[in-house]
Amino acid sequence: MIYKESDVIEAFQAWAREHGRQPTMDEWRKGRGKPHMEVVFRLFGTWSNAIVAAGFEARLPGYSTDKFDETRDIVLPRLAKGESLASIARDLGITGQSLGRRVARYRKAKEEGWLD
């Protein structure tokens, strides 16, 4: 089958109707969404371009909204109070290095205007 942009848009919208939200690239890949990822990229160039064309909001690539919420609501306030990254990471069940990367990604996304 030769897919058109409208096929991808309809597939994304159908997925959203079924799941109650837009698909992520990882979900589409793992769920073997149709049209295939290669088609999405060939037609739109990027995942974000396809998502926007389907009427959804582009998200910062590779970042979980839940992790950003946790960083904003839990981690940053505790850091501001002087608590150590290692202590917070231990409470969250992750390594200090992972949490440090998460905080850096959050700050970069905020700086670049991806977050309110």
N, C-alpha and C. Protein backbone atom coordinates (compact mmCIF):
# COMPACT_ATOMS: atom_id res chain seq x y z
N MET A 1 0.84 -1.18 0.00
CA MET A 1 0.00 0.00 0.00
C MET A 1 0.88 1.24 0.00
N ILE A 2 0.48 2.23 -0.74
CA ILE A 2 1.19 3.51 -0.75
C ILE A 2 0.41 4.45 0.16
N TYR A 3 1.09 4.85 1.24
CA TYR A 3 0.45 5.72 2.23
C TYR A 3 0.58 7.19 1.85
N LYS A 4 -0.43 7.95 2.25
CA LYS A 4 -0.41 9.40 2.09
C LYS A 4 -0.40 10.02 3.49
N GLU A 5 -0.11 11.32 3.54
CA GLU A 5 -0.12 12.02 4.83
C GLU A 5 -1.45 11.84 5.55
N SER A 6 -2.53 11.87 4.80
CA SER A 6 -3.86 11.73 5.42
C SER A 6 -4.03 10.37 6.09
N ASP A 7 -3.36 9.34 5.59
CA ASP A 7 -3.44 8.01 6.22
C ASP A 7 -2.78 8.02 7.59
N VAL A 8 -1.65 8.69 7.68
CA VAL A 8 -0.93 8.79 8.95
C VAL A 8 -1.76 9.60 9.94
N ILE A 9 -2.29 10.72 9.49
CA ILE A 9 -3.09 11.58 10.35
C ILE A 9 -4.29 10.81 10.90
N GLU A 10 -4.99 10.10 10.04
CA GLU A 10 -6.16 9.32 10.48
C GLU A 10 -5.74 8.21 11.45
N ALA A 11 -4.60 7.57 11.21
CA ALA A 11 -4.13 6.51 12.10
C ALA A 11 -3.82 7.08 13.49
N PHE A 12 -3.17 8.24 13.54
CA PHE A 12 -2.87 8.87 14.83
C PHE A 12 -4.16 9.25 15.56
N GLN A 13 -5.10 9.82 14.83
CA GLN A 13 -6.35 10.23 15.45
C GLN A 13 -7.16 9.02 15.94
N ALA A 14 -7.15 7.93 15.19
CA ALA A 14 -7.83 6.71 15.62
C ALA A 14 -7.18 6.15 16.88
N TRP A 15 -5.85 6.18 16.93
CA TRP A 15 -5.14 5.71 18.11
C TRP A 15 -5.54 6.55 19.33
N ALA A 16 -5.62 7.85 19.13
CA ALA A 16 -5.98 8.76 20.22
C ALA A 16 -7.41 8.50 20.69
N ARG A 17 -8.32 8.24 19.77
CA ARG A 17 -9.71 7.93 20.18
C ARG A 17 -9.74 6.67 21.03
N GLU A 18 -8.95 5.69 20.64
CA GLU A 18 -8.93 4.41 21.37
C GLU A 18 -8.25 4.53 22.73
N HIS A 19 -7.18 5.32 22.83
CA HIS A 19 -6.38 5.39 24.05
C HIS A 19 -6.61 6.65 24.89
N GLY A 20 -7.34 7.60 24.37
CA GLY A 20 -7.64 8.80 25.12
C GLY A 20 -6.54 9.85 25.12
N ARG A 21 -5.54 9.67 24.27
CA ARG A 21 -4.44 10.63 24.16
C ARG A 21 -3.64 10.31 22.91
N GLN A 22 -2.79 11.25 22.53
CA GLN A 22 -1.97 11.05 21.34
C GLN A 22 -0.94 9.94 21.56
N PRO A 23 -0.52 9.27 20.49
CA PRO A 23 0.50 8.23 20.63
C PRO A 23 1.89 8.84 20.83
N THR A 24 2.73 8.11 21.53
CA THR A 24 4.13 8.48 21.59
C THR A 24 4.87 7.68 20.52
N MET A 25 6.04 8.15 20.15
CA MET A 25 6.81 7.44 19.15
C MET A 25 7.15 6.03 19.64
N ASP A 26 7.50 5.90 20.90
CA ASP A 26 7.86 4.61 21.45
C ASP A 26 6.66 3.65 21.42
N GLU A 27 5.49 4.14 21.78
CA GLU A 27 4.28 3.31 21.75
C GLU A 27 3.96 2.87 20.32
N TRP A 28 4.12 3.77 19.38
CA TRP A 28 3.83 3.46 17.98
C TRP A 28 4.79 2.39 17.48
N ARG A 29 6.05 2.56 17.84
CA ARG A 29 7.07 1.60 17.41
C ARG A 29 6.83 0.23 18.05
N LYS A 30 6.62 0.21 19.36
CA LYS A 30 6.43 -1.07 20.07
C LYS A 30 5.12 -1.74 19.71
N GLY A 31 4.09 -0.93 19.47
CA GLY A 31 2.79 -1.48 19.11
C GLY A 31 2.66 -1.80 17.64
N ARG A 32 3.75 -1.60 16.94
CA ARG A 32 3.78 -1.84 15.51
C ARG A 32 2.64 -1.12 14.80
N GLY A 33 2.56 0.20 15.10
CA GLY A 33 1.52 1.02 14.49
C GLY A 33 1.62 1.02 12.97
N LYS A 34 0.50 1.19 12.36
CA LYS A 34 0.43 1.28 10.90
C LYS A 34 -0.13 2.63 10.55
N PRO A 35 0.46 3.33 9.63
CA PRO A 35 1.64 3.01 8.84
C PRO A 35 2.91 2.93 9.70
N HIS A 36 3.86 2.20 9.18
CA HIS A 36 5.13 1.98 9.86
C HIS A 36 5.87 3.30 10.09
N MET A 37 6.74 3.30 11.10
CA MET A 37 7.52 4.49 11.46
C MET A 37 8.27 5.08 10.25
N GLU A 38 8.82 4.22 9.42
CA GLU A 38 9.56 4.71 8.25
C GLU A 38 8.67 5.56 7.35
N VAL A 39 7.40 5.17 7.23
CA VAL A 39 6.45 5.93 6.42
C VAL A 39 6.19 7.30 7.05
N VAL A 40 5.99 7.29 8.37
CA VAL A 40 5.74 8.55 9.09
C VAL A 40 6.90 9.52 8.84
N PHE A 41 8.13 9.03 8.98
CA PHE A 41 9.30 9.89 8.79
C PHE A 41 9.47 10.30 7.33
N ARG A 42 9.19 9.41 6.41
CA ARG A 42 9.32 9.75 4.99
C ARG A 42 8.33 10.86 4.61
N LEU A 43 7.11 10.77 5.12
CA LEU A 43 6.08 11.74 4.76
C LEU A 43 6.19 13.06 5.50
N PHE A 44 6.62 13.01 6.76
CA PHE A 44 6.60 14.21 7.60
C PHE A 44 7.98 14.72 8.02
N GLY A 45 8.99 13.90 7.87
CA GLY A 45 10.34 14.31 8.27
C GLY A 45 10.66 14.03 9.72
N THR A 46 9.73 14.35 10.61
CA THR A 46 9.92 14.09 12.04
C THR A 46 8.61 13.61 12.64
N TRP A 47 8.73 12.96 13.79
CA TRP A 47 7.56 12.52 14.54
C TRP A 47 6.73 13.73 14.96
N SER A 48 7.39 14.76 15.45
CA SER A 48 6.68 15.96 15.90
C SER A 48 5.88 16.60 14.78
N ASN A 49 6.44 16.65 13.57
CA ASN A 49 5.71 17.21 12.44
C ASN A 49 4.42 16.42 12.18
N ALA A 50 4.51 15.10 12.27
CA ALA A 50 3.34 14.25 12.04
C ALA A 50 2.31 14.45 13.14
N ILE A 51 2.76 14.54 14.38
CA ILE A 51 1.86 14.74 15.52
C ILE A 51 1.12 16.07 15.38
N VAL A 52 1.83 17.12 15.03
CA VAL A 52 1.20 18.44 14.86
C VAL A 52 0.21 18.41 13.69
N ALA A 53 0.57 17.75 12.59
CA ALA A 53 -0.33 17.65 11.44
C ALA A 53 -1.63 16.94 11.81
N ALA A 54 -1.54 16.01 12.78
CA ALA A 54 -2.73 15.27 13.22
C ALA A 54 -3.56 16.06 14.23
N GLY A 55 -3.09 17.27 14.56
CA GLY A 55 -3.86 18.13 15.45
C GLY A 55 -3.49 18.02 16.92
N PHE A 56 -2.35 17.42 17.20
CA PHE A 56 -1.90 17.26 18.58
C PHE A 56 -0.76 18.22 18.88
N GLU A 57 -0.39 18.27 20.13
CA GLU A 57 0.69 19.15 20.57
C GLU A 57 2.02 18.40 20.54
N ALA A 58 3.02 19.02 19.93
CA ALA A 58 4.35 18.40 19.91
C ALA A 58 4.91 18.42 21.33
N ARG A 59 5.63 17.39 21.64
CA ARG A 59 6.28 17.31 22.96
C ARG A 59 7.78 17.29 22.77
N LEU A 60 8.45 17.68 23.82
CA LEU A 60 9.91 17.65 23.79
C LEU A 60 10.35 16.20 23.63
N PRO A 61 11.15 15.89 22.61
CA PRO A 61 11.53 14.51 22.35
C PRO A 61 12.31 13.88 23.50
N GLY A 62 11.95 12.66 23.81
CA GLY A 62 12.69 11.87 24.78
C GLY A 62 12.44 12.19 26.23
N TYR A 63 11.44 13.00 26.52
CA TYR A 63 11.21 13.39 27.90
C TYR A 63 9.79 13.03 28.33
N SER A 64 9.70 12.40 29.45
CA SER A 64 8.42 12.01 30.02
C SER A 64 7.80 13.18 30.76
N THR A 65 6.55 13.47 30.46
CA THR A 65 5.83 14.53 31.16
C THR A 65 5.77 14.23 32.65
N ASP A 66 5.58 12.97 33.00
CA ASP A 66 5.52 12.59 34.42
C ASP A 66 6.84 12.92 35.12
N LYS A 67 7.94 12.66 34.46
CA LYS A 67 9.24 12.94 35.08
C LYS A 67 9.46 14.44 35.21
N PHE A 68 9.01 15.20 34.23
CA PHE A 68 9.12 16.66 34.35
C PHE A 68 8.26 17.16 35.50
N ASP A 69 7.05 16.63 35.62
CA ASP A 69 6.16 17.03 36.73
C ASP A 69 6.81 16.71 38.06
N GLU A 70 7.37 15.51 38.18
CA GLU A 70 8.03 15.11 39.42
C GLU A 70 9.23 16.01 39.71
N THR A 71 9.99 16.33 38.67
CA THR A 71 11.15 17.21 38.85
C THR A 71 10.70 18.58 39.34
N ARG A 72 9.69 19.15 38.70
CA ARG A 72 9.20 20.48 39.07
C ARG A 72 8.57 20.49 40.46
N ASP A 73 7.73 19.49 40.75
CA ASP A 73 6.93 19.50 41.97
C ASP A 73 7.63 18.94 43.21
N ILE A 74 8.58 18.04 43.00
CA ILE A 74 9.21 17.37 44.14
C ILE A 74 10.71 17.69 44.24
N VAL A 75 11.42 17.46 43.16
CA VAL A 75 12.88 17.55 43.21
C VAL A 75 13.38 18.98 43.39
N LEU A 76 12.93 19.90 42.54
CA LEU A 76 13.45 21.27 42.62
C LEU A 76 13.16 21.94 43.96
N PRO A 77 11.95 21.79 44.53
CA PRO A 77 11.72 22.39 45.84
C PRO A 77 12.64 21.82 46.94
N ARG A 78 12.90 20.52 46.86
CA ARG A 78 13.78 19.91 47.85
C ARG A 78 15.22 20.37 47.67
N LEU A 79 15.66 20.53 46.42
CA LEU A 79 17.00 21.06 46.17
C LEU A 79 17.10 22.49 46.68
N ALA A 80 16.04 23.28 46.47
CA ALA A 80 16.03 24.67 46.93
C ALA A 80 16.15 24.77 48.44
N LYS A 81 15.69 23.75 49.15
CA LYS A 81 15.78 23.73 50.62
C LYS A 81 17.14 23.23 51.09
N GLY A 82 18.01 22.88 50.13
CA GLY A 82 19.36 22.46 50.48
C GLY A 82 19.55 20.96 50.60
N GLU A 83 18.54 20.20 50.27
CA GLU A 83 18.67 18.74 50.35
C GLU A 83 19.58 18.25 49.23
N SER A 84 20.32 17.20 49.49
CA SER A 84 21.27 16.70 48.48
C SER A 84 20.56 15.91 47.39
N LEU A 85 21.15 15.96 46.21
CA LEU A 85 20.65 15.20 45.07
C LEU A 85 20.63 13.71 45.40
N ALA A 86 21.66 13.24 46.07
CA ALA A 86 21.75 11.82 46.42
C ALA A 86 20.60 11.39 47.33
N SER A 87 20.26 12.23 48.29
CA SER A 87 19.17 11.92 49.22
C SER A 87 17.83 11.86 48.49
N ILE A 88 17.60 12.83 47.63
CA ILE A 88 16.34 12.85 46.87
C ILE A 88 16.27 11.65 45.94
N ALA A 89 17.37 11.36 45.26
CA ALA A 89 17.41 10.22 44.35
C ALA A 89 17.12 8.92 45.09
N ARG A 90 17.70 8.77 46.25
CA ARG A 90 17.47 7.56 47.07
C ARG A 90 15.98 7.42 47.37
N ASP A 91 15.32 8.53 47.75
CA ASP A 91 13.89 8.49 48.04
C ASP A 91 13.06 8.12 46.82
N LEU A 92 13.54 8.52 45.64
CA LEU A 92 12.82 8.22 44.40
C LEU A 92 13.18 6.87 43.81
N GLY A 93 14.18 6.23 44.39
CA GLY A 93 14.58 4.91 43.92
C GLY A 93 15.38 4.93 42.63
N ILE A 94 16.12 6.01 42.40
CA ILE A 94 16.98 6.11 41.22
C ILE A 94 18.36 6.57 41.66
N THR A 95 19.31 6.53 40.74
CA THR A 95 20.67 6.96 41.09
C THR A 95 20.76 8.48 41.07
N GLY A 96 21.73 8.99 41.81
CA GLY A 96 21.97 10.43 41.81
C GLY A 96 22.34 10.93 40.42
N GLN A 97 23.07 10.10 39.68
CA GLN A 97 23.46 10.47 38.33
C GLN A 97 22.23 10.61 37.42
N SER A 98 21.30 9.66 37.53
CA SER A 98 20.06 9.74 36.74
C SER A 98 19.26 10.97 37.09
N LEU A 99 19.15 11.24 38.37
CA LEU A 99 18.39 12.42 38.80
C LEU A 99 19.08 13.70 38.35
N GLY A 100 20.40 13.73 38.41
CA GLY A 100 21.14 14.90 37.93
C GLY A 100 20.88 15.17 36.45
N ARG A 101 20.85 14.10 35.64
CA ARG A 101 20.55 14.25 34.22
C ARG A 101 19.12 14.75 34.02
N ARG A 102 18.19 14.22 34.82
CA ARG A 102 16.79 14.62 34.71
C ARG A 102 16.64 16.11 35.03
N VAL A 103 17.29 16.57 36.08
CA VAL A 103 17.22 17.99 36.46
C VAL A 103 17.83 18.86 35.35
N ALA A 104 18.94 18.42 34.79
CA ALA A 104 19.58 19.17 33.71
C ALA A 104 18.67 19.24 32.48
N ARG A 105 18.01 18.12 32.12
CA ARG A 105 17.09 18.12 30.98
C ARG A 105 15.90 19.04 31.24
N TYR A 106 15.40 19.01 32.46
CA TYR A 106 14.27 19.88 32.82
C TYR A 106 14.67 21.35 32.66
N ARG A 107 15.82 21.70 33.21
CA ARG A 107 16.26 23.10 33.13
C ARG A 107 16.50 23.53 31.68
N LYS A 108 17.06 22.64 30.87
CA LYS A 108 17.29 22.96 29.46
C LYS A 108 15.96 23.15 28.73
N ALA A 109 15.01 22.27 28.97
CA ALA A 109 13.70 22.38 28.32
C ALA A 109 13.01 23.67 28.73
N LYS A 110 13.13 24.04 29.99
CA LYS A 110 12.53 25.28 30.49
C LYS A 110 13.18 26.48 29.79
N GLU A 111 14.50 26.44 29.72
CA GLU A 111 15.26 27.52 29.08
C GLU A 111 14.91 27.68 27.61
N GLU A 112 14.65 26.55 26.93
CA GLU A 112 14.35 26.59 25.50
C GLU A 112 12.88 26.86 25.21
N GLY A 113 12.09 27.04 26.28
CA GLY A 113 10.68 27.41 26.09
C GLY A 113 9.73 26.25 25.87
N TRP A 114 10.19 25.02 26.14
CA TRP A 114 9.31 23.86 25.99
C TRP A 114 8.33 23.72 27.14
N LEU A 115 8.65 24.34 28.26
CA LEU A 115 7.81 24.23 29.45
C LEU A 115 7.34 25.61 29.89
N ASP A 116 6.18 25.64 30.53
CA ASP A 116 5.66 26.91 31.06
C ASP A 116 6.40 27.30 32.32
